[in-house]
C-alpha cells in the first residue's frame, strides 16, 4: 500500500470546494445581469424606442458589453431592423405561396372548362372575330406608333421586358371593340427587339396583324399629324384627337434618363404631350411612368369613351390614393 500525503490531499479538496463556490456565485450574478438588461430593453420598448421584440441571451450579453448608452441604442436599433427584415421576407414568401396556390386553382378551373367542346368552339370563333377586327383596323383604323429606336439605351434584359409589354399591348388592342392600327417603326431585322418578338410569337410573327417597318414614322406620316406621348412633355393632353397619330417610346423607363424621348421628339420637330395624371389623380410619392400595356389600355378607353376617369383606372392603385374631386 502507498502512503497518502494528507497535506496534498487537503489542498486538492479545498481548491475543488472553492471552484464550486465560485461557479455557484457567478451564475446568479450573470442571471441577474441578464434579467436587468431585459428590464431595460422592455422599458425602452414602452418608451417607444426601436428595440427588437425577442432577444437571445447572447444578444443581451453583447448589449451589456456595449461601452456607452448610444452604442446600446444603435445595437438595439440594428436588431430591430434585422427583425423587421425577417418578418417582411416571411410575409413576402407567404404572399407568394398564396398567389401560387390561387394561380394553380385558376389554372385547374380553366383546364376543366377547356375540356368542353362548346367552350373550344366559342374560343375559336372569338379569335376569328378578333382577327377580323384587327384586319379591318389595318385598313380603316387610327394608327398608333411604337418607336423602337431605344435599343442602345437598354440592356438585353430590359429589351426583353419591353417586348413582353408590347406583346400584352398588341393582345389587348386585338381584343378591343375598335382597335388601333399598330405600327412598329424603326424596327431592324437584326435587332434585339426583333429577336425577342420572334421568341414570343414564333411562327405567328409573320402573320401578325400589325405594320412592321424599319422606317421612321416621320417618313410615313405627315409631321403635323404626329404627337409624341412622353411624361417629360410640358404640354398636358386635354382630349383624345382621333385625327392624330400618337407615338409611344418602346422602352423601360427605369433604365432611361429623364427627357430622352422628349429630346428625340424635339430633334424631329414633333409635337409632344403628357397624360394629365396630376389633374385627375391624387398622386403618391414615386415615379409617374406607366408601362406600355397600361398606356395601351388608357388610349383604347379614351378612344372609345373619351372619359379620363374611366381611362385612368388602369393606372396601378399603388401609385395614387384616389381621384381629384371636382364639382
Foldseek 3Di string as FASTA:
>chain_A
DDDDDVVVVVVVVVVVVVVVVVVVVVVVVLVVQLVVLVVVLVVVVVVPAQAAPDDDSVLSVVLVPQPDPVSSSVSRNVVSVVVVVVVVVVVVVVVVVVVVVVVVVVVVVVVVVVVDPVVVVVVVVLVVVLVVLLLVQLPVFQEEEEEPPCQVLDDLVFLLVLLVLVVLLLVVQSNAPHHHQYEYELDDCPGSNNVSLCVVCPPCPVVRSHHYYNHDVVVVDPQQQEEEEDQLDPAADDADDSSHHYYYYRGDVVRDDPCPSVVVCVVVPHHYHYYPCVQWFQFDDDDPDDRNNLVSQLNSCRVVPRDNVVSCVSPDCVGTPGTDDDD
